[in-house]
Amino acid sequence: MPTIPYINAQQLTSLLPWNNLIDALQDVFLQDVIEPVRHHHFLNVPDEPQATLLLMPAWIEGQYLGVKQVSVFPGNNARNQPAINGSYLLSNANTGEPLLQLDANELTARRTAAASALASKYLSRDNASQLLMIGAGRMARALIEVHSIVRPIETIQIWSRTEKSALKLVKELQAQGKSASLCKNQQLPQAVADADIISCATVSTQPIVLGKWLQSGVHLDLVGAFRQDMRETDDEAISRSSVFVDTRAGALSEAGDLTQPIDKGLFSEGQVIAELKELCAGKHSGRSQLTDSNLKNTLFKSVGAAREDLAAAMLAHKLYEKTK
């Protein structure tokens, strides 16, 4: 049996160029993709916390079949090992033949950021130039890069609970010639008020961006807070925004930024204006369709979709084949 090529994180950055990836996501939301509900399985580990196995399959009949496997072993932290590991297997949907294995962490980061950029093309103002990044990890780096591709970003402010991490990212961006600065805790309200786009990629359980700080016309991009007990914004931010999601099925069942105000009766599922599939299909044109569009606050909440992984893996395979 031939060896299945493995695409590592570094290779993926060249096989998933941002503009191509954004186009691939646009395309996959227009296709008939079969996406079973994410599988959760729990594993007992002797004398350690319980582990979790996540399986996320998706396929396009007659084309490609993909499965992302992610394992979460909390006990690894005590051994100084990563708690989360993952891989993605892309196969031929006609024969089942494995085609590629890909690093799941980089694949997920890039497709998540590309989905935010795709949403921003519909939801942020065309002249958005000031970006506030909440978070300073791997995901933040990808989001800054891709938001700067779809909008004319001139200034970037970075806020993180760990100021040291934020300062490190600021210095990286400055070394690249970007106009980046550190946002300290006491500066956060003003930074929120000044921003055209606020992108959040955290695992916070308490709101960071408050609705009372928002100025008219801002676009909120919420990537973190992927569980019901997590929040990146408060109820006022939700109520003051026109809300869009990557998928209703995922965001309305998993995202605390939406499920918590729904549980309080402050927001309803029917108030979600559109999901990415509807934006891509032209069923809703996003900000331009809103009354007083330049003054409206838009909010995009994503929790990820298996079809996004599949689109990224398909693109990587096509470009990989061209290099052989």
C-alpha atoms as a PDB file:
ATOM      1  CA  MET A   1       0.000   0.000   0.000  1.00  0.00           C
ATOM      2  CA  PRO A   2       1.470   3.412  -0.952  1.00  0.00           C
ATOM      3  CA  THR A   3       2.398   5.808   1.837  1.00  0.00           C
ATOM      4  CA  ILE A   4      -0.118   8.592   2.410  1.00  0.00           C
ATOM      5  CA  PRO A   5       1.574  12.006   2.110  1.00  0.00           C
ATOM      6  CA  TYR A   6       1.573  14.013   5.347  1.00  0.00           C
ATOM      7  CA  ILE A   7       1.270  17.800   5.142  1.00  0.00           C
ATOM      8  CA  ASN A   8       2.734  19.516   8.195  1.00  0.00           C
ATOM      9  CA  ALA A   9       1.850  22.948   9.570  1.00  0.00           C
ATOM     10  CA  GLN A  10       4.611  24.777   7.698  1.00  0.00           C
ATOM     11  CA  GLN A  11       3.652  23.185   4.375  1.00  0.00           C
ATOM     12  CA  LEU A  12       0.004  24.117   4.926  1.00  0.00           C
ATOM     13  CA  THR A  13       0.811  27.825   5.067  1.00  0.00           C
ATOM     14  CA  SER A  14       1.993  27.636   1.439  1.00  0.00           C
ATOM     15  CA  LEU A  15      -0.729  25.231   0.294  1.00  0.00           C
ATOM     16  CA  LEU A  16      -3.508  27.373   1.773  1.00  0.00           C
ATOM     17  CA  PRO A  17      -2.853  30.936   0.543  1.00  0.00           C
ATOM     18  CA  TRP A  18      -5.431  33.281   2.029  1.00  0.00           C
ATOM     19  CA  ASN A  19      -7.205  34.507  -1.094  1.00  0.00           C
ATOM     20  CA  ASN A  20      -7.501  30.993  -2.503  1.00  0.00           C
ATOM     21  CA  LEU A  21      -8.764  29.687   0.824  1.00  0.00           C
ATOM     22  CA  ILE A  22     -11.391  32.422   1.149  1.00  0.00           C
ATOM     23  CA  ASP A  23     -12.605  31.571  -2.362  1.00  0.00           C
ATOM     24  CA  ALA A  24     -12.649  27.862  -1.488  1.00  0.00           C
ATOM     25  CA  LEU A  25     -14.853  28.547   1.542  1.00  0.00           C
ATOM     26  CA  GLN A  26     -17.162  30.725  -0.534  1.00  0.00           C
ATOM     27  CA  ASP A  27     -17.501  27.835  -2.973  1.00  0.00           C
ATOM     28  CA  VAL A  28     -18.049  25.095  -0.387  1.00  0.00           C
ATOM     29  CA  PHE A  29     -20.958  26.986   1.187  1.00  0.00           C
ATOM     30  CA  LEU A  30     -22.676  26.813  -2.203  1.00  0.00           C
ATOM     31  CA  GLN A  31     -22.213  23.048  -2.568  1.00  0.00           C
ATOM     32  CA  ASP A  32     -24.206  20.113  -1.243  1.00  0.00           C
ATOM     33  CA  VAL A  33     -21.980  18.953   1.604  1.00  0.00           C
ATOM     34  CA  ILE A  34     -23.013  16.192   3.973  1.00  0.00           C
ATOM     35  CA  GLU A  35     -22.022  17.134   7.530  1.00  0.00           C
ATOM     36  CA  PRO A  36     -23.035  14.669  10.242  1.00  0.00           C
ATOM     37  CA  VAL A  37     -23.236  16.028  13.780  1.00  0.00           C
ATOM     38  CA  ARG A  38     -19.846  16.206  15.476  1.00  0.00           C
ATOM     39  CA  HIS A  39     -19.054  13.021  17.407  1.00  0.00           C
ATOM     40  CA  HIS A  40     -17.969  13.314  21.060  1.00  0.00           C
ATOM     41  CA  HIS A  41     -16.474  10.293  22.807  1.00  0.00           C
ATOM     42  CA  PHE A  42     -14.996  10.127  26.312  1.00  0.00           C
ATOM     43  CA  LEU A  43     -11.997   8.052  27.329  1.00  0.00           C
ATOM     44  CA  ASN A  44     -11.008   7.136  30.856  1.00  0.00           C
ATOM     45  CA  VAL A  45      -7.297   7.563  31.515  1.00  0.00           C
ATOM     46  CA  PRO A  46      -5.982   5.732  34.616  1.00  0.00           C
ATOM     47  CA  ASP A  47      -5.222   8.177  37.463  1.00  0.00           C
ATOM     48  CA  GLU A  48      -5.750  11.198  35.194  1.00  0.00           C
ATOM     49  CA  PRO A  49      -8.621  13.437  34.052  1.00  0.00           C
ATOM     50  CA  GLN A  50     -10.996  12.033  31.480  1.00  0.00           C
ATOM     51  CA  ALA A  51      -9.980  12.548  27.845  1.00  0.00           C
ATOM     52  CA  THR A  52     -12.173  13.467  24.886  1.00  0.00           C
ATOM     53  CA  LEU A  53     -12.132  12.288  21.279  1.00  0.00           C
ATOM     54  CA  LEU A  54     -13.813  14.483  18.672  1.00  0.00           C
ATOM     55  CA  LEU A  55     -14.595  13.259  15.165  1.00  0.00           C
ATOM     56  CA  MET A  56     -15.782  15.693  12.493  1.00  0.00           C
ATOM     57  CA  PRO A  57     -16.647  14.106   9.124  1.00  0.00           C
ATOM     58  CA  ALA A  58     -17.887  15.776   5.948  1.00  0.00           C
ATOM     59  CA  TRP A  59     -18.081  14.771   2.315  1.00  0.00           C
ATOM     60  CA  ILE A  60     -19.200  15.795  -1.149  1.00  0.00           C
ATOM     61  CA  GLU A  61     -20.595  12.794  -2.983  1.00  0.00           C
ATOM     62  CA  GLY A  62     -18.449  11.741  -5.903  1.00  0.00           C
ATOM     63  CA  GLN A  63     -15.592  14.032  -4.879  1.00  0.00           C
ATOM     64  CA  TYR A  64     -13.935  14.121  -1.456  1.00  0.00           C
ATOM     65  CA  LEU A  65     -14.430  12.639   2.005  1.00  0.00           C
ATOM     66  CA  GLY A  66     -12.717  14.164   5.028  1.00  0.00           C
ATOM     67  CA  VAL A  67     -12.529  13.392   8.736  1.00  0.00           C
ATOM     68  CA  LYS A  68     -10.881  15.508  11.421  1.00  0.00           C
ATOM     69  CA  GLN A  69      -9.835  13.691  14.579  1.00  0.00           C
ATOM     70  CA  VAL A  70      -9.004  15.744  17.639  1.00  0.00           C
ATOM     71  CA  SER A  71      -8.030  14.330  21.011  1.00  0.00           C
ATOM     72  CA  VAL A  72      -8.014  16.328  24.236  1.00  0.00           C
ATOM     73  CA  PHE A  73      -5.956  14.797  27.053  1.00  0.00           C
ATOM     74  CA  PRO A  74      -5.891  17.292  29.976  1.00  0.00           C
ATOM     75  CA  GLY A  75      -3.394  15.140  31.868  1.00  0.00           C
ATOM     76  CA  ASN A  76      -0.729  15.990  29.300  1.00  0.00           C
ATOM     77  CA  ASN A  77      -0.329  19.448  30.823  1.00  0.00           C
ATOM     78  CA  ALA A  78       1.405  17.920  33.844  1.00  0.00           C
ATOM     79  CA  ARG A  79       3.894  16.263  31.479  1.00  0.00           C
ATOM     80  CA  ASN A  80       4.562  19.480  29.561  1.00  0.00           C
ATOM     81  CA  GLN A  81       2.945  17.967  26.498  1.00  0.00           C
ATOM     82  CA  PRO A  82       0.193  19.501  24.331  1.00  0.00           C
ATOM     83  CA  ALA A  83      -3.262  18.651  25.646  1.00  0.00           C
ATOM     84  CA  ILE A  84      -4.765  18.854  22.163  1.00  0.00           C
ATOM     85  CA  ASN A  85      -3.602  16.820  19.188  1.00  0.00           C
ATOM     86  CA  GLY A  86      -5.268  16.304  15.861  1.00  0.00           C
ATOM     87  CA  SER A  87      -4.996  15.153  12.292  1.00  0.00           C
ATOM     88  CA  TYR A  88      -7.118  15.349   9.175  1.00  0.00           C
ATOM     89  CA  LEU A  89      -7.550  12.545   6.655  1.00  0.00           C
ATOM     90  CA  LEU A  90      -8.738  13.400   3.147  1.00  0.00           C
ATOM     91  CA  SER A  91      -9.951  10.547   0.950  1.00  0.00           C
ATOM     92  CA  ASN A  92     -11.437   9.970  -2.482  1.00  0.00           C
ATOM     93  CA  ALA A  93     -15.236   9.847  -2.087  1.00  0.00           C
ATOM     94  CA  ASN A  94     -15.576   7.459  -5.050  1.00  0.00           C
ATOM     95  CA  THR A  95     -13.128   4.805  -3.888  1.00  0.00           C
ATOM     96  CA  GLY A  96     -12.335   5.572  -0.243  1.00  0.00           C
ATOM     97  CA  GLU A  97      -8.644   5.776  -1.164  1.00  0.00           C
ATOM     98  CA  PRO A  98      -6.724   7.970   1.345  1.00  0.00           C
ATOM     99  CA  LEU A  99      -5.174  10.960  -0.376  1.00  0.00           C
ATOM    100  CA  LEU A 100      -3.579  13.171   2.271  1.00  0.00           C
ATOM    101  CA  GLN A 101      -3.044  13.493   5.985  1.00  0.00           C
ATOM    102  CA  LEU A 102      -2.830  17.062   7.247  1.00  0.00           C
ATOM    103  CA  ASP A 103      -1.907  18.816  10.485  1.00  0.00           C
ATOM    104  CA  ALA A 104      -5.295  19.589  12.056  1.00  0.00           C
ATOM    105  CA  ASN A 105      -4.178  22.518  14.211  1.00  0.00           C
ATOM    106  CA  GLU A 106      -2.905  24.648  11.335  1.00  0.00           C
ATOM    107  CA  LEU A 107      -5.757  23.523   9.081  1.00  0.00           C
ATOM    108  CA  THR A 108      -8.293  24.620  11.703  1.00  0.00           C
ATOM    109  CA  ALA A 109      -6.590  27.951  12.375  1.00  0.00           C
ATOM    110  CA  ARG A 110      -6.390  28.907   8.718  1.00  0.00           C
ATOM    111  CA  ARG A 111      -9.928  27.883   7.758  1.00  0.00           C
ATOM    112  CA  THR A 112     -11.324  29.620  10.862  1.00  0.00           C
ATOM    113  CA  ALA A 113      -9.544  32.857  10.017  1.00  0.00           C
ATOM    114  CA  ALA A 114     -10.581  32.596   6.368  1.00  0.00           C
ATOM    115  CA  ALA A 115     -14.221  32.176   7.423  1.00  0.00           C
ATOM    116  CA  SER A 116     -13.963  35.384   9.459  1.00  0.00           C
ATOM    117  CA  ALA A 117     -12.475  37.178   6.458  1.00  0.00           C
ATOM    118  CA  LEU A 118     -15.233  35.862   4.202  1.00  0.00           C
ATOM    119  CA  ALA A 119     -17.836  37.148   6.662  1.00  0.00           C
ATOM    120  CA  SER A 120     -16.024  40.485   6.950  1.00  0.00           C
ATOM    121  CA  LYS A 121     -16.320  41.009   3.184  1.00  0.00           C
ATOM    122  CA  TYR A 122     -20.087  41.023   3.669  1.00  0.00           C
ATOM    123  CA  LEU A 123     -20.345  42.607   7.102  1.00  0.00           C
ATOM    124  CA  SER A 124     -17.585  45.139   7.832  1.00  0.00           C
ATOM    125  CA  ARG A 125     -17.441  48.564   6.217  1.00  0.00           C
ATOM    126  CA  ASP A 126     -15.390  48.720   3.013  1.00  0.00           C
ATOM    127  CA  ASN A 127     -13.118  51.391   4.462  1.00  0.00           C
ATOM    128  CA  ALA A 128     -12.498  49.650   7.813  1.00  0.00           C
ATOM    129  CA  SER A 129      -8.951  50.612   8.762  1.00  0.00           C
ATOM    130  CA  GLN A 130      -8.629  50.138  12.543  1.00  0.00           C
ATOM    131  CA  LEU A 131      -8.463  46.605  13.923  1.00  0.00           C
ATOM    132  CA  LEU A 132      -8.612  45.688  17.604  1.00  0.00           C
ATOM    133  CA  MET A 133      -7.436  42.134  18.245  1.00  0.00           C
ATOM    134  CA  ILE A 134      -8.582  40.534  21.486  1.00  0.00           C
ATOM    135  CA  GLY A 135      -6.204  37.641  22.107  1.00  0.00           C
ATOM    136  CA  ALA A 136      -2.575  37.080  21.157  1.00  0.00           C
ATOM    137  CA  GLY A 137      -2.212  33.408  20.275  1.00  0.00           C
ATOM    138  CA  ARG A 138      -1.902  31.425  17.041  1.00  0.00           C
ATOM    139  CA  MET A 139      -5.465  32.260  16.055  1.00  0.00           C
ATOM    140  CA  ALA A 140      -4.922  35.985  16.615  1.00  0.00           C
ATOM    141  CA  ARG A 141      -1.935  35.992  14.266  1.00  0.00           C
ATOM    142  CA  ALA A 142      -3.962  34.355  11.503  1.00  0.00           C
ATOM    143  CA  LEU A 143      -6.913  36.701  12.014  1.00  0.00           C
ATOM    144  CA  ILE A 144      -4.772  39.836  11.856  1.00  0.00           C
ATOM    145  CA  GLU A 145      -3.156  38.632   8.647  1.00  0.00           C
ATOM    146  CA  VAL A 146      -6.385  37.749   6.872  1.00  0.00           C
ATOM    147  CA  HIS A 147      -8.447  40.746   8.041  1.00  0.00           C
ATOM    148  CA  SER A 148      -5.683  42.919   6.599  1.00  0.00           C
ATOM    149  CA  ILE A 149      -6.147  41.210   3.233  1.00  0.00           C
ATOM    150  CA  VAL A 150      -9.887  41.866   2.847  1.00  0.00           C
ATOM    151  CA  ARG A 151      -9.943  45.364   4.385  1.00  0.00           C
ATOM    152  CA  PRO A 152      -7.468  48.315   4.252  1.00  0.00           C
ATOM    153  CA  ILE A 153      -6.245  47.869   7.829  1.00  0.00           C
ATOM    154  CA  GLU A 154      -3.818  50.636   8.815  1.00  0.00           C
ATOM    155  CA  THR A 155      -3.588  50.360  12.603  1.00  0.00           C
ATOM    156  CA  ILE A 156      -3.745  47.316  14.870  1.00  0.00           C
ATOM    157  CA  GLN A 157      -4.165  47.260  18.643  1.00  0.00           C
ATOM    158  CA  ILE A 158      -3.590  44.084  20.636  1.00  0.00           C
ATOM    159  CA  TRP A 159      -5.202  43.274  23.982  1.00  0.00           C
ATOM    160  CA  SER A 160      -4.636  40.079  25.941  1.00  0.00           C
ATOM    161  CA  ARG A 161      -5.172  39.039  29.549  1.00  0.00           C
ATOM    162  CA  THR A 162      -1.469  38.205  29.451  1.00  0.00           C
ATOM    163  CA  GLU A 163       0.165  41.519  28.580  1.00  0.00           C
ATOM    164  CA  LYS A 164       3.477  39.820  27.889  1.00  0.00           C
ATOM    165  CA  SER A 165       1.885  37.786  25.074  1.00  0.00           C
ATOM    166  CA  ALA A 166       0.250  40.869  23.593  1.00  0.00           C
ATOM    167  CA  LEU A 167       3.536  42.786  23.656  1.00  0.00           C
ATOM    168  CA  LYS A 168       5.335  39.912  21.930  1.00  0.00           C
ATOM    169  CA  LEU A 169       2.761  39.957  19.121  1.00  0.00           C
ATOM    170  CA  VAL A 170       2.990  43.754  18.836  1.00  0.00           C
ATOM    171  CA  LYS A 171       6.751  43.525  18.360  1.00  0.00           C
ATOM    172  CA  GLU A 172       6.329  40.799  15.720  1.00  0.00           C
ATOM    173  CA  LEU A 173       3.882  42.968  13.776  1.00  0.00           C
ATOM    174  CA  GLN A 174       6.101  46.046  14.076  1.00  0.00           C
ATOM    175  CA  ALA A 175       9.018  44.013  12.743  1.00  0.00           C
ATOM    176  CA  GLN A 176       6.848  43.277   9.694  1.00  0.00           C
ATOM    177  CA  GLY A 177       6.355  47.000   9.159  1.00  0.00           C
ATOM    178  CA  LYS A 178       2.801  47.117  10.518  1.00  0.00           C
ATOM    179  CA  SER A 179       1.444  49.916  12.710  1.00  0.00           C
ATOM    180  CA  ALA A 180       0.715  47.902  15.860  1.00  0.00           C
ATOM    181  CA  SER A 181       0.427  48.921  19.497  1.00  0.00           C
ATOM    182  CA  LEU A 182      -0.330  47.395  22.872  1.00  0.00           C
ATOM    183  CA  CYS A 183      -3.755  47.979  24.408  1.00  0.00           C
ATOM    184  CA  LYS A 184      -3.555  47.974  28.203  1.00  0.00           C
ATOM    185  CA  ASN A 185      -6.541  47.066  30.379  1.00  0.00           C
ATOM    186  CA  GLN A 186      -7.431  50.681  31.169  1.00  0.00           C
ATOM    187  CA  GLN A 187      -7.273  51.545  27.461  1.00  0.00           C
ATOM    188  CA  LEU A 188      -9.687  48.811  26.357  1.00  0.00           C
ATOM    189  CA  PRO A 189     -12.939  50.877  26.453  1.00  0.00           C
ATOM    190  CA  GLN A 190     -11.433  53.562  24.208  1.00  0.00           C
ATOM    191  CA  ALA A 191      -9.829  50.979  21.899  1.00  0.00           C
ATOM    192  CA  VAL A 192     -13.224  49.298  21.452  1.00  0.00           C
ATOM    193  CA  ALA A 193     -14.827  52.675  20.708  1.00  0.00           C
ATOM    194  CA  ASP A 194     -12.151  53.543  18.125  1.00  0.00           C
ATOM    195  CA  ALA A 195     -12.134  50.223  16.253  1.00  0.00           C
ATOM    196  CA  ASP A 196     -13.744  49.508  12.896  1.00  0.00           C
ATOM    197  CA  ILE A 197     -13.303  45.754  13.363  1.00  0.00           C
ATOM    198  CA  ILE A 198     -12.969  43.948  16.697  1.00  0.00           C
ATOM    199  CA  SER A 199     -11.793  40.361  16.372  1.00  0.00           C
ATOM    200  CA  CYS A 200     -11.890  38.101  19.441  1.00  0.00           C
ATOM    201  CA  ALA A 201     -10.069  34.781  19.765  1.00  0.00           C
ATOM    202  CA  THR A 202     -10.066  33.787  23.423  1.00  0.00           C
ATOM    203  CA  VAL A 203     -11.304  31.085  25.779  1.00  0.00           C
ATOM    204  CA  SER A 204     -12.840  33.639  28.141  1.00  0.00           C
ATOM    205  CA  THR A 205     -15.801  32.722  30.331  1.00  0.00           C
ATOM    206  CA  GLN A 206     -16.579  36.385  31.070  1.00  0.00           C
ATOM    207  CA  PRO A 207     -17.417  39.179  28.609  1.00  0.00           C
ATOM    208  CA  ILE A 208     -14.421  41.229  27.483  1.00  0.00           C
ATOM    209  CA  VAL A 209     -16.009  43.576  24.941  1.00  0.00           C
ATOM    210  CA  LEU A 210     -18.940  45.436  26.476  1.00  0.00           C
ATOM    211  CA  GLY A 211     -21.843  46.789  24.488  1.00  0.00           C
ATOM    212  CA  LYS A 212     -21.730  50.190  26.192  1.00  0.00           C
ATOM    213  CA  TRP A 213     -18.289  50.807  24.643  1.00  0.00           C
ATOM    214  CA  LEU A 214     -19.357  50.146  21.032  1.00  0.00           C
ATOM    215  CA  GLN A 215     -19.632  52.968  18.527  1.00  0.00           C
ATOM    216  CA  SER A 216     -21.941  52.823  15.500  1.00  0.00           C
ATOM    217  CA  GLY A 217     -20.787  50.893  12.444  1.00  0.00           C
ATOM    218  CA  VAL A 218     -18.339  48.510  14.107  1.00  0.00           C
ATOM    219  CA  HIS A 219     -17.999  44.885  13.036  1.00  0.00           C
ATOM    220  CA  LEU A 220     -17.530  42.283  15.780  1.00  0.00           C
ATOM    221  CA  ASP A 221     -15.818  39.036  14.789  1.00  0.00           C
ATOM    222  CA  LEU A 222     -16.204  36.421  17.550  1.00  0.00           C
ATOM    223  CA  VAL A 223     -14.056  33.335  16.998  1.00  0.00           C
ATOM    224  CA  GLY A 224     -13.361  32.107  20.532  1.00  0.00           C
ATOM    225  CA  ALA A 225     -15.869  31.228  23.267  1.00  0.00           C
ATOM    226  CA  PHE A 226     -16.890  27.998  21.548  1.00  0.00           C
ATOM    227  CA  ARG A 227     -18.747  26.518  24.544  1.00  0.00           C
ATOM    228  CA  GLN A 228     -21.959  27.508  26.260  1.00  0.00           C
ATOM    229  CA  ASP A 229     -20.077  28.569  29.408  1.00  0.00           C
ATOM    230  CA  MET A 230     -17.830  30.981  27.493  1.00  0.00           C
ATOM    231  CA  ARG A 231     -18.390  34.663  26.609  1.00  0.00           C
ATOM    232  CA  GLU A 232     -16.427  37.308  24.735  1.00  0.00           C
ATOM    233  CA  THR A 233     -19.193  39.933  24.644  1.00  0.00           C
ATOM    234  CA  ASP A 234     -22.063  40.869  26.952  1.00  0.00           C
ATOM    235  CA  ASP A 235     -25.819  40.865  26.382  1.00  0.00           C
ATOM    236  CA  GLU A 236     -25.842  44.560  25.445  1.00  0.00           C
ATOM    237  CA  ALA A 237     -23.332  43.960  22.646  1.00  0.00           C
ATOM    238  CA  ILE A 238     -25.579  41.229  21.264  1.00  0.00           C
ATOM    239  CA  SER A 239     -28.732  43.344  21.504  1.00  0.00           C
ATOM    240  CA  ARG A 240     -27.025  46.320  19.801  1.00  0.00           C
ATOM    241  CA  SER A 241     -25.797  44.246  16.855  1.00  0.00           C
ATOM    242  CA  SER A 242     -27.166  42.667  13.697  1.00  0.00           C
ATOM    243  CA  VAL A 243     -26.159  39.053  14.311  1.00  0.00           C
ATOM    244  CA  PHE A 244     -24.812  36.671  11.653  1.00  0.00           C
ATOM    245  CA  VAL A 245     -23.326  33.189  12.179  1.00  0.00           C
ATOM    246  CA  ASP A 246     -21.265  30.610  10.322  1.00  0.00           C
ATOM    247  CA  THR A 247     -23.988  27.986  10.811  1.00  0.00           C
ATOM    248  CA  ARG A 248     -27.167  28.323  12.835  1.00  0.00           C
ATOM    249  CA  ALA A 249     -26.945  24.689  13.939  1.00  0.00           C
ATOM    250  CA  GLY A 250     -23.528  25.174  15.499  1.00  0.00           C
ATOM    251  CA  ALA A 251     -23.646  28.733  16.820  1.00  0.00           C
ATOM    252  CA  LEU A 252     -27.102  28.453  18.379  1.00  0.00           C
ATOM    253  CA  SER A 253     -26.239  25.284  20.252  1.00  0.00           C
ATOM    254  CA  GLU A 254     -22.599  25.833  21.254  1.00  0.00           C
ATOM    255  CA  ALA A 255     -21.784  29.552  21.464  1.00  0.00           C
ATOM    256  CA  GLY A 256     -22.269  31.056  24.924  1.00  0.00           C
ATOM    257  CA  ASP A 257     -22.374  34.549  23.427  1.00  0.00           C
ATOM    258  CA  LEU A 258     -25.713  33.548  21.906  1.00  0.00           C
ATOM    259  CA  THR A 259     -27.047  30.702  24.052  1.00  0.00           C
ATOM    260  CA  GLN A 260     -26.765  32.648  27.319  1.00  0.00           C
ATOM    261  CA  PRO A 261     -28.876  35.645  26.177  1.00  0.00           C
ATOM    262  CA  ILE A 262     -31.296  33.193  24.557  1.00  0.00           C
ATOM    263  CA  ASP A 263     -31.686  31.390  27.894  1.00  0.00           C
ATOM    264  CA  LYS A 264     -32.398  34.753  29.564  1.00  0.00           C
ATOM    265  CA  GLY A 265     -35.035  35.627  26.979  1.00  0.00           C
ATOM    266  CA  LEU A 266     -32.970  38.574  25.732  1.00  0.00           C
ATOM    267  CA  PHE A 267     -32.304  37.150  22.269  1.00  0.00           C
ATOM    268  CA  SER A 268     -34.021  34.601  20.062  1.00  0.00           C
ATOM    269  CA  GLU A 269     -32.882  32.219  17.352  1.00  0.00           C
ATOM    270  CA  GLY A 270     -35.081  34.094  14.914  1.00  0.00           C
ATOM    271  CA  GLN A 271     -33.007  37.241  15.413  1.00  0.00           C
ATOM    272  CA  VAL A 272     -30.034  35.678  13.616  1.00  0.00           C
ATOM    273  CA  ILE A 273     -30.218  37.452  10.281  1.00  0.00           C
ATOM    274  CA  ALA A 274     -28.281  34.996   8.113  1.00  0.00           C
ATOM    275  CA  GLU A 275     -25.624  32.307   8.117  1.00  0.00           C
ATOM    276  CA  LEU A 276     -22.616  32.121   5.816  1.00  0.00           C
ATOM    277  CA  LYS A 277     -24.382  29.835   3.354  1.00  0.00           C
ATOM    278  CA  GLU A 278     -27.098  32.460   2.820  1.00  0.00           C
ATOM    279  CA  LEU A 279     -24.551  35.255   2.437  1.00  0.00           C
ATOM    280  CA  CYS A 280     -22.528  33.280  -0.099  1.00  0.00           C
ATOM    281  CA  ALA A 281     -25.672  32.348  -2.053  1.00  0.00           C
ATOM    282  CA  GLY A 282     -26.834  35.961  -2.220  1.00  0.00           C
ATOM    283  CA  LYS A 283     -29.964  35.304  -0.162  1.00  0.00           C
ATOM    284  CA  HIS A 284     -28.798  38.123   2.093  1.00  0.00           C
ATOM    285  CA  SER A 285     -26.207  40.690   1.070  1.00  0.00           C
ATOM    286  CA  GLY A 286     -24.997  41.476   4.601  1.00  0.00           C
ATOM    287  CA  ARG A 287     -24.322  45.026   5.780  1.00  0.00           C
ATOM    288  CA  SER A 288     -25.433  46.608   2.507  1.00  0.00           C
ATOM    289  CA  GLN A 289     -28.936  45.205   2.993  1.00  0.00           C
ATOM    290  CA  LEU A 290     -29.333  46.662   6.484  1.00  0.00           C
ATOM    291  CA  THR A 291     -31.193  49.926   6.994  1.00  0.00           C
ATOM    292  CA  ASP A 292     -28.743  52.768   7.741  1.00  0.00           C
ATOM    293  CA  SER A 293     -26.028  50.242   6.919  1.00  0.00           C
ATOM    294  CA  ASN A 294     -23.026  52.435   7.785  1.00  0.00           C
ATOM    295  CA  LEU A 295     -24.392  53.027  11.289  1.00  0.00           C
ATOM    296  CA  LYS A 296     -25.336  49.446  12.097  1.00  0.00           C
ATOM    297  CA  ASN A 297     -23.153  47.214  14.273  1.00  0.00           C
ATOM    298  CA  THR A 298     -22.645  43.783  12.763  1.00  0.00           C
ATOM    299  CA  LEU A 299     -21.604  40.669  14.688  1.00  0.00           C
ATOM    300  CA  PHE A 300     -20.335  37.397  13.246  1.00  0.00           C
ATOM    301  CA  LYS A 301     -20.196  34.395  15.553  1.00  0.00           C
ATOM    302  CA  SER A 302     -18.424  31.248  14.381  1.00  0.00           C
ATOM    303  CA  VAL A 303     -17.881  27.917  16.078  1.00  0.00           C
ATOM    304  CA  GLY A 304     -16.548  26.090  13.027  1.00  0.00           C
ATOM    305  CA  ALA A 305     -18.078  23.723  10.499  1.00  0.00           C
ATOM    306  CA  ALA A 306     -16.798  20.462   9.075  1.00  0.00           C
ATOM    307  CA  ARG A 307     -17.341  21.707   5.534  1.00  0.00           C
ATOM    308  CA  GLU A 308     -14.748  24.435   6.185  1.00  0.00           C
ATOM    309  CA  ASP A 309     -12.147  21.791   7.078  1.00  0.00           C
ATOM    310  CA  LEU A 310     -13.100  19.852   3.961  1.00  0.00           C
ATOM    311  CA  ALA A 311     -12.751  22.918   1.726  1.00  0.00           C
ATOM    312  CA  ALA A 312      -9.293  23.661   3.131  1.00  0.00           C
ATOM    313  CA  ALA A 313      -8.148  20.049   2.732  1.00  0.00           C
ATOM    314  CA  MET A 314      -9.460  19.914  -0.850  1.00  0.00           C
ATOM    315  CA  LEU A 315      -7.565  23.088  -1.735  1.00  0.00           C
ATOM    316  CA  ALA A 316      -4.384  21.769  -0.112  1.00  0.00           C
ATOM    317  CA  HIS A 317      -4.681  18.533  -2.103  1.00  0.00           C
ATOM    318  CA  LYS A 318      -5.189  20.326  -5.419  1.00  0.00           C
ATOM    319  CA  LEU A 319      -2.199  22.600  -4.883  1.00  0.00           C
ATOM    320  CA  TYR A 320      -0.078  19.721  -3.535  1.00  0.00           C
ATOM    321  CA  GLU A 321      -0.754  17.702  -6.686  1.00  0.00           C
ATOM    322  CA  LYS A 322       0.539  20.591  -8.794  1.00  0.00           C
ATOM    323  CA  THR A 323       3.869  20.515  -6.937  1.00  0.00           C
ATOM    324  CA  LYS A 324       4.534  16.836  -7.644  1.00  0.00           C
END
